[in-house]
Amino acid sequence: MGVAVPDQVSVRLDWSAADSCPAQHVNQVLVQVGPPSESGVPDGIYVAVGSICPPVIPADPEGRAARVAELTASVVKVAVCGRVSMSRDVLDDLMRVLKLTADQYDAAVALARRPRAPQEG
């Protein structure tokens, strides 16, 4: 007599280690489909996140024009903060969670911007 093995097991996750990892500001995202495996199926999705600082542009018209010309002719290097690879299923989960979080953020902003009665402070 065999033992039944469940198709899927639910486990609780401990994300407390996230508290010891500093949050880094990112404003750039690079997403790529992974290289194909022998079967031709991509090996996953690669996501890199990074940051660039806004360039300093002088206020005077002459300095501004020179700086803009310099920036137009150059390449700005992104400071890469991290890179991950994930399956297509995990990408779907990530997109769902990001949409939910964006909706929660928008609701919090709307609440913060609502007019307040004088007694609310």
PDB file of N, CA and C in Angstrom:
ATOM      1  N   MET A   1       0.852  -1.178   0.000  1.00  0.00           N
ATOM      2  CA  MET A   1       0.000   0.000   0.000  1.00  0.00           C
ATOM      3  C   MET A   1       0.895   1.237   0.000  1.00  0.00           C
ATOM      4  N   GLY A   2       0.686   2.135  -0.964  1.00  0.00           N
ATOM      5  CA  GLY A   2       1.509   3.331  -1.090  1.00  0.00           C
ATOM      6  C   GLY A   2       0.976   4.483  -0.266  1.00  0.00           C
ATOM      7  N   VAL A   3       1.820   5.448  -0.053  1.00  0.00           N
ATOM      8  CA  VAL A   3       1.435   6.644   0.681  1.00  0.00           C
ATOM      9  C   VAL A   3       1.064   7.725  -0.329  1.00  0.00           C
ATOM     10  N   ALA A   4      -0.080   8.357  -0.128  1.00  0.00           N
ATOM     11  CA  ALA A   4      -0.515   9.428  -1.026  1.00  0.00           C
ATOM     12  C   ALA A   4       0.370  10.648  -0.819  1.00  0.00           C
ATOM     13  N   VAL A   5       0.833  11.202  -1.915  1.00  0.00           N
ATOM     14  CA  VAL A   5       1.679  12.394  -1.869  1.00  0.00           C
ATOM     15  C   VAL A   5       0.875  13.546  -2.455  1.00  0.00           C
ATOM     16  N   PRO A   6       0.723  14.627  -1.708  1.00  0.00           N
ATOM     17  CA  PRO A   6      -0.055  15.759  -2.243  1.00  0.00           C
ATOM     18  C   PRO A   6       0.649  16.376  -3.443  1.00  0.00           C
ATOM     19  N   ASP A   7      -0.158  16.895  -4.375  1.00  0.00           N
ATOM     20  CA  ASP A   7       0.405  17.549  -5.559  1.00  0.00           C
ATOM     21  C   ASP A   7       1.119  18.845  -5.195  1.00  0.00           C
ATOM     22  N   GLN A   8       0.626  19.513  -4.175  1.00  0.00           N
ATOM     23  CA  GLN A   8       1.201  20.798  -3.794  1.00  0.00           C
ATOM     24  C   GLN A   8       1.162  20.932  -2.273  1.00  0.00           C
ATOM     25  N   VAL A   9       2.214  21.476  -1.722  1.00  0.00           N
ATOM     26  CA  VAL A   9       2.300  21.672  -0.282  1.00  0.00           C
ATOM     27  C   VAL A   9       2.412  23.166  -0.016  1.00  0.00           C
ATOM     28  N   SER A  10       1.596  23.669   0.889  1.00  0.00           N
ATOM     29  CA  SER A  10       1.674  25.078   1.270  1.00  0.00           C
ATOM     30  C   SER A  10       2.603  25.219   2.466  1.00  0.00           C
ATOM     31  N   VAL A  11       3.511  26.155   2.364  1.00  0.00           N
ATOM     32  CA  VAL A  11       4.413  26.440   3.480  1.00  0.00           C
ATOM     33  C   VAL A  11       4.367  27.934   3.767  1.00  0.00           C
ATOM     34  N   ARG A  12       4.597  28.284   5.007  1.00  0.00           N
ATOM     35  CA  ARG A  12       4.673  29.689   5.384  1.00  0.00           C
ATOM     36  C   ARG A  12       6.093  30.167   5.114  1.00  0.00           C
ATOM     37  N   LEU A  13       6.205  31.415   4.679  1.00  0.00           N
ATOM     38  CA  LEU A  13       7.513  31.980   4.368  1.00  0.00           C
ATOM     39  C   LEU A  13       7.886  33.017   5.413  1.00  0.00           C
ATOM     40  N   ASP A  14       9.146  33.059   5.762  1.00  0.00           N
ATOM     41  CA  ASP A  14       9.670  34.031   6.721  1.00  0.00           C
ATOM     42  C   ASP A  14      10.504  35.050   5.951  1.00  0.00           C
ATOM     43  N   TRP A  15       9.969  36.245   5.789  1.00  0.00           N
ATOM     44  CA  TRP A  15      10.650  37.319   5.070  1.00  0.00           C
ATOM     45  C   TRP A  15      11.369  38.274   6.018  1.00  0.00           C
ATOM     46  N   SER A  16      11.604  37.889   7.272  1.00  0.00           N
ATOM     47  CA  SER A  16      12.215  38.802   8.241  1.00  0.00           C
ATOM     48  C   SER A  16      13.622  39.232   7.841  1.00  0.00           C
ATOM     49  N   ALA A  17      14.320  38.443   7.043  1.00  0.00           N
ATOM     50  CA  ALA A  17      15.670  38.830   6.601  1.00  0.00           C
ATOM     51  C   ALA A  17      15.636  40.070   5.718  1.00  0.00           C
ATOM     52  N   ALA A  18      14.473  40.400   5.152  1.00  0.00           N
ATOM     53  CA  ALA A  18      14.357  41.609   4.321  1.00  0.00           C
ATOM     54  C   ALA A  18      14.665  42.867   5.134  1.00  0.00           C
ATOM     55  N   ASP A  19      14.409  42.811   6.443  1.00  0.00           N
ATOM     56  CA  ASP A  19      14.688  43.967   7.301  1.00  0.00           C
ATOM     57  C   ASP A  19      16.168  44.312   7.352  1.00  0.00           C
ATOM     58  N   SER A  20      17.029  43.338   7.156  1.00  0.00           N
ATOM     59  CA  SER A  20      18.468  43.597   7.239  1.00  0.00           C
ATOM     60  C   SER A  20      19.084  43.941   5.877  1.00  0.00           C
ATOM     61  N   CYS A  21      18.275  43.948   4.850  1.00  0.00           N
ATOM     62  CA  CYS A  21      18.754  44.282   3.507  1.00  0.00           C
ATOM     63  C   CYS A  21      18.340  45.716   3.192  1.00  0.00           C
ATOM     64  N   PRO A  22      19.297  46.609   2.991  1.00  0.00           N
ATOM     65  CA  PRO A  22      18.930  48.005   2.756  1.00  0.00           C
ATOM     66  C   PRO A  22      18.162  48.181   1.448  1.00  0.00           C
ATOM     67  N   ALA A  23      17.150  49.020   1.486  1.00  0.00           N
ATOM     68  CA  ALA A  23      16.386  49.335   0.274  1.00  0.00           C
ATOM     69  C   ALA A  23      17.182  50.329  -0.560  1.00  0.00           C
ATOM     70  N   GLN A  24      17.290  50.042  -1.819  1.00  0.00           N
ATOM     71  CA  GLN A  24      18.012  50.928  -2.726  1.00  0.00           C
ATOM     72  C   GLN A  24      17.017  51.575  -3.681  1.00  0.00           C
ATOM     73  N   HIS A  25      17.213  52.841  -3.933  1.00  0.00           N
ATOM     74  CA  HIS A  25      16.349  53.561  -4.873  1.00  0.00           C
ATOM     75  C   HIS A  25      16.652  53.086  -6.288  1.00  0.00           C
ATOM     76  N   VAL A  26      15.620  52.767  -7.042  1.00  0.00           N
ATOM     77  CA  VAL A  26      15.803  52.412  -8.451  1.00  0.00           C
ATOM     78  C   VAL A  26      14.840  53.238  -9.292  1.00  0.00           C
ATOM     79  N   ASN A  27      15.304  53.634 -10.467  1.00  0.00           N
ATOM     80  CA  ASN A  27      14.443  54.349 -11.396  1.00  0.00           C
ATOM     81  C   ASN A  27      14.634  53.853 -12.835  1.00  0.00           C
ATOM     82  N   GLN A  28      15.352  52.745 -12.967  1.00  0.00           N
ATOM     83  CA  GLN A  28      15.572  52.141 -14.275  1.00  0.00           C
ATOM     84  C   GLN A  28      15.324  50.631 -14.169  1.00  0.00           C
ATOM     85  N   VAL A  29      14.694  50.073 -15.199  1.00  0.00           N
ATOM     86  CA  VAL A  29      14.413  48.634 -15.215  1.00  0.00           C
ATOM     87  C   VAL A  29      14.748  48.089 -16.597  1.00  0.00           C
ATOM     88  N   LEU A  30      15.433  46.964 -16.614  1.00  0.00           N
ATOM     89  CA  LEU A  30      15.749  46.267 -17.861  1.00  0.00           C
ATOM     90  C   LEU A  30      15.182  44.862 -17.741  1.00  0.00           C
ATOM     91  N   VAL A  31      14.346  44.464 -18.707  1.00  0.00           N
ATOM     92  CA  VAL A  31      13.749  43.132 -18.697  1.00  0.00           C
ATOM     93  C   VAL A  31      14.076  42.449 -20.020  1.00  0.00           C
ATOM     94  N   GLN A  32      14.554  41.205 -19.919  1.00  0.00           N
ATOM     95  CA  GLN A  32      14.944  40.456 -21.114  1.00  0.00           C
ATOM     96  C   GLN A  32      14.424  39.028 -21.040  1.00  0.00           C
ATOM     97  N   VAL A  33      14.045  38.488 -22.190  1.00  0.00           N
ATOM     98  CA  VAL A  33      13.714  37.077 -22.276  1.00  0.00           C
ATOM     99  C   VAL A  33      15.032  36.318 -22.329  1.00  0.00           C
ATOM    100  N   GLY A  34      15.117  35.247 -21.555  1.00  0.00           N
ATOM    101  CA  GLY A  34      16.347  34.475 -21.475  1.00  0.00           C
ATOM    102  C   GLY A  34      16.662  33.748 -22.768  1.00  0.00           C
ATOM    103  N   PRO A  35      17.888  33.276 -22.870  1.00  0.00           N
ATOM    104  CA  PRO A  35      18.289  32.548 -24.071  1.00  0.00           C
ATOM    105  C   PRO A  35      17.521  31.238 -24.183  1.00  0.00           C
ATOM    106  N   PRO A  36      17.336  30.760 -25.406  1.00  0.00           N
ATOM    107  CA  PRO A  36      16.584  29.511 -25.566  1.00  0.00           C
ATOM    108  C   PRO A  36      17.379  28.305 -25.087  1.00  0.00           C
ATOM    109  N   SER A  37      16.660  27.366 -24.512  1.00  0.00           N
ATOM    110  CA  SER A  37      17.278  26.094 -24.134  1.00  0.00           C
ATOM    111  C   SER A  37      17.384  25.240 -25.400  1.00  0.00           C
ATOM    112  N   GLU A  38      17.850  24.031 -25.251  1.00  0.00           N
ATOM    113  CA  GLU A  38      17.992  23.142 -26.404  1.00  0.00           C
ATOM    114  C   GLU A  38      16.653  22.921 -27.111  1.00  0.00           C
ATOM    115  N   SER A  39      15.554  22.954 -26.332  1.00  0.00           N
ATOM    116  CA  SER A  39      14.221  22.748 -26.912  1.00  0.00           C
ATOM    117  C   SER A  39      13.691  24.004 -27.610  1.00  0.00           C
ATOM    118  N   GLY A  40      14.401  25.113 -27.447  1.00  0.00           N
ATOM    119  CA  GLY A  40      13.962  26.369 -28.048  1.00  0.00           C
ATOM    120  C   GLY A  40      13.161  27.253 -27.103  1.00  0.00           C
ATOM    121  N   VAL A  41      12.799  26.734 -25.935  1.00  0.00           N
ATOM    122  CA  VAL A  41      12.030  27.495 -24.952  1.00  0.00           C
ATOM    123  C   VAL A  41      12.986  28.390 -24.164  1.00  0.00           C
ATOM    124  N   PRO A  42      12.660  29.680 -24.014  1.00  0.00           N
ATOM    125  CA  PRO A  42      13.536  30.565 -23.221  1.00  0.00           C
ATOM    126  C   PRO A  42      13.707  30.030 -21.806  1.00  0.00           C
ATOM    127  N   ASP A  43      14.890  30.221 -21.239  1.00  0.00           N
ATOM    128  CA  ASP A  43      15.154  29.693 -19.894  1.00  0.00           C
ATOM    129  C   ASP A  43      14.576  30.561 -18.792  1.00  0.00           C
ATOM    130  N   GLY A  44      13.846  31.582 -19.115  1.00  0.00           N
ATOM    131  CA  GLY A  44      13.196  32.413 -18.111  1.00  0.00           C
ATOM    132  C   GLY A  44      13.204  33.867 -18.525  1.00  0.00           C
ATOM    133  N   ILE A  45      12.915  34.705 -17.565  1.00  0.00           N
ATOM    134  CA  ILE A  45      12.886  36.159 -17.764  1.00  0.00           C
ATOM    135  C   ILE A  45      13.925  36.748 -16.823  1.00  0.00           C
ATOM    136  N   TYR A  46      14.737  37.650 -17.330  1.00  0.00           N
ATOM    137  CA  TYR A  46      15.777  38.308 -16.546  1.00  0.00           C
ATOM    138  C   TYR A  46      15.365  39.753 -16.304  1.00  0.00           C
ATOM    139  N   VAL A  47      15.461  40.182 -15.055  1.00  0.00           N
ATOM    140  CA  VAL A  47      15.096  41.543 -14.678  1.00  0.00           C
ATOM    141  C   VAL A  47      16.270  42.177 -13.944  1.00  0.00           C
ATOM    142  N   ALA A  48      16.704  43.332 -14.421  1.00  0.00           N
ATOM    143  CA  ALA A  48      17.749  44.101 -13.738  1.00  0.00           C
ATOM    144  C   ALA A  48      17.142  45.439 -13.334  1.00  0.00           C
ATOM    145  N   VAL A  49      17.473  45.890 -12.144  1.00  0.00           N
ATOM    146  CA  VAL A  49      17.010  47.197 -11.671  1.00  0.00           C
ATOM    147  C   VAL A  49      18.221  48.034 -11.305  1.00  0.00           C
ATOM    148  N   GLY A  50      18.104  49.323 -11.549  1.00  0.00           N
ATOM    149  CA  GLY A  50      19.220  50.217 -11.269  1.00  0.00           C
ATOM    150  C   GLY A  50      18.751  51.645 -11.120  1.00  0.00           C
ATOM    151  N   SER A  51      19.712  52.528 -11.088  1.00  0.00           N
ATOM    152  CA  SER A  51      19.400  53.929 -10.840  1.00  0.00           C
ATOM    153  C   SER A  51      20.361  54.836 -11.603  1.00  0.00           C
ATOM    154  N   ILE A  52      19.834  55.954 -12.012  1.00  0.00           N
ATOM    155  CA  ILE A  52      20.662  57.041 -12.536  1.00  0.00           C
ATOM    156  C   ILE A  52      20.266  58.305 -11.796  1.00  0.00           C
ATOM    157  N   CYS A  53      21.228  59.170 -11.562  1.00  0.00           N
ATOM    158  CA  CYS A  53      20.943  60.464 -10.937  1.00  0.00           C
ATOM    159  C   CYS A  53      20.655  61.475 -12.038  1.00  0.00           C
ATOM    160  N   PRO A  54      19.741  62.387 -11.777  1.00  0.00           N
ATOM    161  CA  PRO A  54      19.500  63.408 -12.795  1.00  0.00           C
ATOM    162  C   PRO A  54      20.754  64.252 -12.983  1.00  0.00           C
ATOM    163  N   PRO A  55      21.086  64.570 -14.222  1.00  0.00           N
ATOM    164  CA  PRO A  55      22.299  65.356 -14.458  1.00  0.00           C
ATOM    165  C   PRO A  55      22.116  66.804 -13.998  1.00  0.00           C
ATOM    166  N   VAL A  56      23.208  67.400 -13.610  1.00  0.00           N
ATOM    167  CA  VAL A  56      23.191  68.815 -13.238  1.00  0.00           C
ATOM    168  C   VAL A  56      23.220  69.626 -14.527  1.00  0.00           C
ATOM    169  N   ILE A  57      22.243  70.525 -14.668  1.00  0.00           N
ATOM    170  CA  ILE A  57      22.165  71.384 -15.849  1.00  0.00           C
ATOM    171  C   ILE A  57      22.185  72.829 -15.363  1.00  0.00           C
ATOM    172  N   PRO A  58      23.165  73.595 -15.802  1.00  0.00           N
ATOM    173  CA  PRO A  58      23.271  74.990 -15.360  1.00  0.00           C
ATOM    174  C   PRO A  58      22.034  75.809 -15.732  1.00  0.00           C
ATOM    175  N   ALA A  59      21.789  76.835 -14.964  1.00  0.00           N
ATOM    176  CA  ALA A  59      20.620  77.685 -15.200  1.00  0.00           C
ATOM    177  C   ALA A  59      20.856  78.692 -16.326  1.00  0.00           C
ATOM    178  N   ASP A  60      22.107  79.125 -16.518  1.00  0.00           N
ATOM    179  CA  ASP A  60      22.362  80.129 -17.557  1.00  0.00           C
ATOM    180  C   ASP A  60      22.196  79.494 -18.941  1.00  0.00           C
ATOM    181  N   PRO A  61      21.630  80.217 -19.905  1.00  0.00           N
ATOM    182  CA  PRO A  61      21.337  79.656 -21.231  1.00  0.00           C
ATOM    183  C   PRO A  61      22.555  79.063 -21.945  1.00  0.00           C
ATOM    184  N   GLU A  62      23.688  79.718 -21.847  1.00  0.00           N
ATOM    185  CA  GLU A  62      24.897  79.227 -22.512  1.00  0.00           C
ATOM    186  C   GLU A  62      25.376  77.905 -21.908  1.00  0.00           C
ATOM    187  N   GLY A  63      25.449  77.877 -20.588  1.00  0.00           N
ATOM    188  CA  GLY A  63      25.868  76.661 -19.881  1.00  0.00           C
ATOM    189  C   GLY A  63      24.863  75.538 -20.081  1.00  0.00           C
ATOM    190  N   ARG A  64      23.581  75.903 -20.088  1.00  0.00           N
ATOM    191  CA  ARG A  64      22.526  74.911 -20.298  1.00  0.00           C
ATOM    192  C   ARG A  64      22.661  74.260 -21.673  1.00  0.00           C
ATOM    193  N   ALA A  65      22.828  75.072 -22.715  1.00  0.00           N
ATOM    194  CA  ALA A  65      22.943  74.565 -24.082  1.00  0.00           C
ATOM    195  C   ALA A  65      24.157  73.644 -24.212  1.00  0.00           C
ATOM    196  N   ALA A  66      25.266  74.038 -23.606  1.00  0.00           N
ATOM    197  CA  ALA A  66      26.480  73.232 -23.685  1.00  0.00           C
ATOM    198  C   ALA A  66      26.289  71.892 -22.970  1.00  0.00           C
ATOM    199  N   ARG A  67      25.664  71.936 -21.799  1.00  0.00           N
ATOM    200  CA  ARG A  67      25.456  70.708 -21.018  1.00  0.00           C
ATOM    201  C   ARG A  67      24.481  69.769 -21.731  1.00  0.00           C
ATOM    202  N   VAL A  68      23.407  70.320 -22.304  1.00  0.00           N
ATOM    203  CA  VAL A  68      22.436  69.503 -23.029  1.00  0.00           C
ATOM    204  C   VAL A  68      23.110  68.842 -24.238  1.00  0.00           C
ATOM    205  N   ALA A  69      23.943  69.589 -24.953  1.00  0.00           N
ATOM    206  CA  ALA A  69      24.672  69.029 -26.101  1.00  0.00           C
ATOM    207  C   ALA A  69      25.603  67.911 -25.639  1.00  0.00           C
ATOM    208  N   GLU A  70      26.268  68.125 -24.513  1.00  0.00           N
ATOM    209  CA  GLU A  70      27.178  67.114 -23.966  1.00  0.00           C
ATOM    210  C   GLU A  70      26.416  65.844 -23.588  1.00  0.00           C
ATOM    211  N   LEU A  71      25.262  66.015 -22.933  1.00  0.00           N
ATOM    212  CA  LEU A  71      24.463  64.860 -22.528  1.00  0.00           C
ATOM    213  C   LEU A  71      23.903  64.108 -23.733  1.00  0.00           C
ATOM    214  N   THR A  72      23.485  64.841 -24.745  1.00  0.00           N
ATOM    215  CA  THR A  72      22.929  64.222 -25.946  1.00  0.00           C
ATOM    216  C   THR A  72      23.961  63.352 -26.648  1.00  0.00           C
ATOM    217  N   ALA A  73      25.215  63.738 -26.576  1.00  0.00           N
ATOM    218  CA  ALA A  73      26.280  62.995 -27.247  1.00  0.00           C
ATOM    219  C   ALA A  73      26.893  61.898 -26.371  1.00  0.00           C
ATOM    220  N   SER A  74      26.383  61.739 -25.146  1.00  0.00           N
ATOM    221  CA  SER A  74      27.004  60.784 -24.230  1.00  0.00           C
ATOM    222  C   SER A  74      26.063  59.623 -23.903  1.00  0.00           C
ATOM    223  N   VAL A  75      26.587  58.690 -23.133  1.00  0.00           N
ATOM    224  CA  VAL A  75      25.806  57.563 -22.626  1.00  0.00           C
ATOM    225  C   VAL A  75      25.854  57.641 -21.106  1.00  0.00           C
ATOM    226  N   VAL A  76      24.694  57.523 -20.467  1.00  0.00           N
ATOM    227  CA  VAL A  76      24.627  57.572 -19.008  1.00  0.00           C
ATOM    228  C   VAL A  76      24.667  56.141 -18.478  1.00  0.00           C
ATOM    229  N   LYS A  77      25.634  55.868 -17.636  1.00  0.00           N
ATOM    230  CA  LYS A  77      25.793  54.525 -17.080  1.00  0.00           C
ATOM    231  C   LYS A  77      24.815  54.330 -15.925  1.00  0.00           C
ATOM    232  N   VAL A  78      24.104  53.211 -15.954  1.00  0.00           N
ATOM    233  CA  VAL A  78      23.155  52.867 -14.898  1.00  0.00           C
ATOM    234  C   VAL A  78      23.907  52.138 -13.785  1.00  0.00           C
ATOM    235  N   ALA A  79      23.693  52.565 -12.544  1.00  0.00           N
ATOM    236  CA  ALA A  79      24.231  51.846 -11.387  1.00  0.00           C
ATOM    237  C   ALA A  79      23.277  50.684 -11.108  1.00  0.00           C
ATOM    238  N   VAL A  80      23.693  49.468 -11.431  1.00  0.00           N
ATOM    239  CA  VAL A  80      22.831  48.300 -11.283  1.00  0.00           C
ATOM    240  C   VAL A  80      22.793  47.886  -9.814  1.00  0.00           C
ATOM    241  N   CYS A  81      21.585  47.795  -9.272  1.00  0.00           N
ATOM    242  CA  CYS A  81      21.399  47.434  -7.866  1.00  0.00           C
ATOM    243  C   CYS A  81      21.130  45.945  -7.683  1.00  0.00           C
ATOM    244  N   GLY A  82      20.598  45.313  -8.710  1.00  0.00           N
ATOM    245  CA  GLY A  82      20.308  43.887  -8.585  1.00  0.00           C
ATOM    246  C   GLY A  82      19.799  43.310  -9.887  1.00  0.00           C
ATOM    247  N   ARG A  83      19.895  41.992  -9.988  1.00  0.00           N
ATOM    248  CA  ARG A  83      19.436  41.300 -11.174  1.00  0.00           C
ATOM    249  C   ARG A  83      18.873  39.957 -10.738  1.00  0.00           C
ATOM    250  N   VAL A  84      17.715  39.598 -11.288  1.00  0.00           N
ATOM    251  CA  VAL A  84      17.087  38.328 -10.955  1.00  0.00           C
ATOM    252  C   VAL A  84      16.626  37.629 -12.226  1.00  0.00           C
ATOM    253  N   SER A  85      16.499  36.321 -12.129  1.00  0.00           N
ATOM    254  CA  SER A  85      15.949  35.509 -13.209  1.00  0.00           C
ATOM    255  C   SER A  85      14.751  34.779 -12.626  1.00  0.00           C
ATOM    256  N   MET A  86      13.682  34.686 -13.409  1.00  0.00           N
ATOM    257  CA  MET A  86      12.472  34.034 -12.907  1.00  0.00           C
ATOM    258  C   MET A  86      11.760  33.284 -14.022  1.00  0.00           C
ATOM    259  N   SER A  87      10.905  32.368 -13.611  1.00  0.00           N
ATOM    260  CA  SER A  87      10.096  31.621 -14.570  1.00  0.00           C
ATOM    261  C   SER A  87       8.934  32.501 -15.043  1.00  0.00           C
ATOM    262  N   ARG A  88       8.279  32.070 -16.081  1.00  0.00           N
ATOM    263  CA  ARG A  88       7.109  32.796 -16.594  1.00  0.00           C
ATOM    264  C   ARG A  88       6.003  32.820 -15.551  1.00  0.00           C
ATOM    265  N   ASP A  89       5.831  31.726 -14.807  1.00  0.00           N
ATOM    266  CA  ASP A  89       4.803  31.688 -13.760  1.00  0.00           C
ATOM    267  C   ASP A  89       5.095  32.714 -12.664  1.00  0.00           C
ATOM    268  N   VAL A  90       6.357  32.830 -12.266  1.00  0.00           N
ATOM    269  CA  VAL A  90       6.720  33.805 -11.238  1.00  0.00           C
ATOM    270  C   VAL A  90       6.522  35.221 -11.780  1.00  0.00           C
ATOM    271  N   LEU A  91       6.804  35.434 -13.061  1.00  0.00           N
ATOM    272  CA  LEU A  91       6.551  36.743 -13.667  1.00  0.00           C
ATOM    273  C   LEU A  91       5.071  37.100 -13.562  1.00  0.00           C
ATOM    274  N   ASP A  92       4.184  36.138 -13.829  1.00  0.00           N
ATOM    275  CA  ASP A  92       2.742  36.386 -13.687  1.00  0.00           C
ATOM    276  C   ASP A  92       2.393  36.770 -12.252  1.00  0.00           C
ATOM    277  N   ASP A  93       2.964  36.043 -11.269  1.00  0.00           N
ATOM    278  CA  ASP A  93       2.724  36.371  -9.860  1.00  0.00           C
ATOM    279  C   ASP A  93       3.225  37.769  -9.537  1.00  0.00           C
ATOM    280  N   LEU A  94       4.407  38.103 -10.031  1.00  0.00           N
ATOM    281  CA  LEU A  94       4.983  39.421  -9.785  1.00  0.00           C
ATOM    282  C   LEU A  94       4.102  40.521 -10.375  1.00  0.00           C
ATOM    283  N   MET A  95       3.640  40.332 -11.602  1.00  0.00           N
ATOM    284  CA  MET A  95       2.782  41.347 -12.228  1.00  0.00           C
ATOM    285  C   MET A  95       1.491  41.535 -11.439  1.00  0.00           C
ATOM    286  N   ARG A  96       0.915  40.424 -10.956  1.00  0.00           N
ATOM    287  CA  ARG A  96      -0.315  40.506 -10.164  1.00  0.00           C
ATOM    288  C   ARG A  96      -0.076  41.273  -8.864  1.00  0.00           C
ATOM    289  N   VAL A  97       1.015  40.944  -8.174  1.00  0.00           N
ATOM    290  CA  VAL A  97       1.315  41.604  -6.895  1.00  0.00           C
ATOM    291  C   VAL A  97       1.664  43.078  -7.112  1.00  0.00           C
ATOM    292  N   LEU A  98       2.389  43.394  -8.181  1.00  0.00           N
ATOM    293  CA  LEU A  98       2.717  44.794  -8.469  1.00  0.00           C
ATOM    294  C   LEU A  98       1.453  45.602  -8.766  1.00  0.00           C
ATOM    295  N   LYS A  99       0.507  45.029  -9.503  1.00  0.00           N
ATOM    296  CA  LYS A  99      -0.757  45.725  -9.803  1.00  0.00           C
ATOM    297  C   LYS A  99      -1.532  45.964  -8.520  1.00  0.00           C
ATOM    298  N   LEU A 100      -1.627  44.962  -7.668  1.00  0.00           N
ATOM    299  CA  LEU A 100      -2.318  45.103  -6.388  1.00  0.00           C
ATOM    300  C   LEU A 100      -1.655  46.188  -5.539  1.00  0.00           C
ATOM    301  N   THR A 101      -0.333  46.173  -5.481  1.00  0.00           N
ATOM    302  CA  THR A 101       0.404  47.169  -4.696  1.00  0.00           C
ATOM    303  C   THR A 101       0.241  48.564  -5.274  1.00  0.00           C
ATOM    304  N   ALA A 102       0.235  48.696  -6.599  1.00  0.00           N
ATOM    305  CA  ALA A 102       0.007  50.001  -7.234  1.00  0.00           C
ATOM    306  C   ALA A 102      -1.371  50.526  -6.873  1.00  0.00           C
ATOM    307  N   ASP A 103      -2.378  49.659  -6.878  1.00  0.00           N
ATOM    308  CA  ASP A 103      -3.734  50.074  -6.503  1.00  0.00           C
ATOM    309  C   ASP A 103      -3.782  50.520  -5.042  1.00  0.00           C
ATOM    310  N   GLN A 104      -3.094  49.801  -4.161  1.00  0.00           N
ATOM    311  CA  GLN A 104      -3.047  50.185  -2.746  1.00  0.00           C
ATOM    312  C   GLN A 104      -2.333  51.518  -2.569  1.00  0.00           C
ATOM    313  N   TYR A 105      -1.259  51.722  -3.294  1.00  0.00           N
ATOM    314  CA  TYR A 105      -0.519  52.986  -3.240  1.00  0.00           C
ATOM    315  C   TYR A 105      -1.421  54.139  -3.689  1.00  0.00           C
ATOM    316  N   ASP A 106      -2.110  53.952  -4.820  1.00  0.00           N
ATOM    317  CA  ASP A 106      -2.998  54.999  -5.333  1.00  0.00           C
ATOM    318  C   ASP A 106      -4.109  55.325  -4.348  1.00  0.00           C
ATOM    319  N   ALA A 107      -4.648  54.317  -3.679  1.00  0.00           N
ATOM    320  CA  ALA A 107      -5.692  54.546  -2.679  1.00  0.00           C
ATOM    321  C   ALA A 107      -5.137  55.332  -1.492  1.00  0.00           C
ATOM    322  N   ALA A 108      -3.914  55.019  -1.063  1.00  0.00           N
ATOM    323  CA  ALA A 108      -3.290  55.734   0.052  1.00  0.00           C
ATOM    324  C   ALA A 108      -3.021  57.192  -0.324  1.00  0.00           C
ATOM    325  N   VAL A 109      -2.588  57.432  -1.563  1.00  0.00           N
ATOM    326  CA  VAL A 109      -2.348  58.808  -2.026  1.00  0.00           C
ATOM    327  C   VAL A 109      -3.663  59.576  -2.069  1.00  0.00           C
ATOM    328  N   ALA A 110      -4.714  58.974  -2.585  1.00  0.00           N
ATOM    329  CA  ALA A 110      -6.015  59.635  -2.651  1.00  0.00           C
ATOM    330  C   ALA A 110      -6.511  59.982  -1.250  1.00  0.00           C
ATOM    331  N   LEU A 111      -6.307  59.075  -0.314  1.00  0.00           N
ATOM    332  CA  LEU A 111      -6.710  59.322   1.070  1.00  0.00           C
ATOM    333  C   LEU A 111      -5.894  60.463   1.673  1.00  0.00           C
ATOM    334  N   ALA A 112      -4.607  60.487   1.421  1.00  0.00           N
ATOM    335  CA  ALA A 112      -3.734  61.526   1.974  1.00  0.00           C
ATOM    336  C   ALA A 112      -4.058  62.899   1.386  1.00  0.00           C
ATOM    337  N   ARG A 113      -4.543  62.941   0.163  1.00  0.00           N
ATOM    338  CA  ARG A 113      -4.813  64.214  -0.508  1.00  0.00           C
ATOM    339  C   ARG A 113      -6.227  64.728  -0.317  1.00  0.00           C
ATOM    340  N   ARG A 114      -7.065  63.942   0.336  1.00  0.00           N
ATOM    341  CA  ARG A 114      -8.449  64.396   0.499  1.00  0.00           C
ATOM    342  C   ARG A 114      -8.489  65.579   1.458  1.00  0.00           C
ATOM    343  N   PRO A 115      -9.417  66.492   1.203  1.00  0.00           N
ATOM    344  CA  PRO A 115      -9.556  67.638   2.120  1.00  0.00           C
ATOM    345  C   PRO A 115      -9.939  67.149   3.520  1.00  0.00           C
ATOM    346  N   ARG A 116      -9.376  67.775   4.504  1.00  0.00           N
ATOM    347  CA  ARG A 116      -9.656  67.384   5.892  1.00  0.00           C
ATOM    348  C   ARG A 116     -10.431  68.486   6.590  1.00  0.00           C
ATOM    349  N   ALA A 117     -11.319  68.054   7.442  1.00  0.00           N
ATOM    350  CA  ALA A 117     -12.071  69.004   8.262  1.00  0.00           C
ATOM    351  C   ALA A 117     -11.109  69.594   9.291  1.00  0.00           C
ATOM    352  N   PRO A 118     -11.328  70.832   9.727  1.00  0.00           N
ATOM    353  CA  PRO A 118     -10.420  71.474  10.685  1.00  0.00           C
ATOM    354  C   PRO A 118     -10.171  70.638  11.940  1.00  0.00           C
ATOM    355  N   GLN A 119     -11.185  69.923  12.453  1.00  0.00           N
ATOM    356  CA  GLN A 119     -11.001  69.141  13.662  1.00  0.00           C
ATOM    357  C   GLN A 119     -10.129  67.909  13.448  1.00  0.00           C
ATOM    358  N   GLU A 120      -9.905  67.508  12.162  1.00  0.00           N
ATOM    359  CA  GLU A 120      -9.064  66.348  11.874  1.00  0.00           C
ATOM    360  C   GLU A 120      -7.586  66.706  11.966  1.00  0.00           C
ATOM    361  N   GLY A 121      -7.284  67.984  11.892  1.00  0.00           N
ATOM    362  CA  GLY A 121      -5.878  68.393  12.009  1.00  0.00           C
ATOM    363  C   GLY A 121      -5.246  68.453  10.735  1.00  0.00           C
TER     364      GLY A 121
END
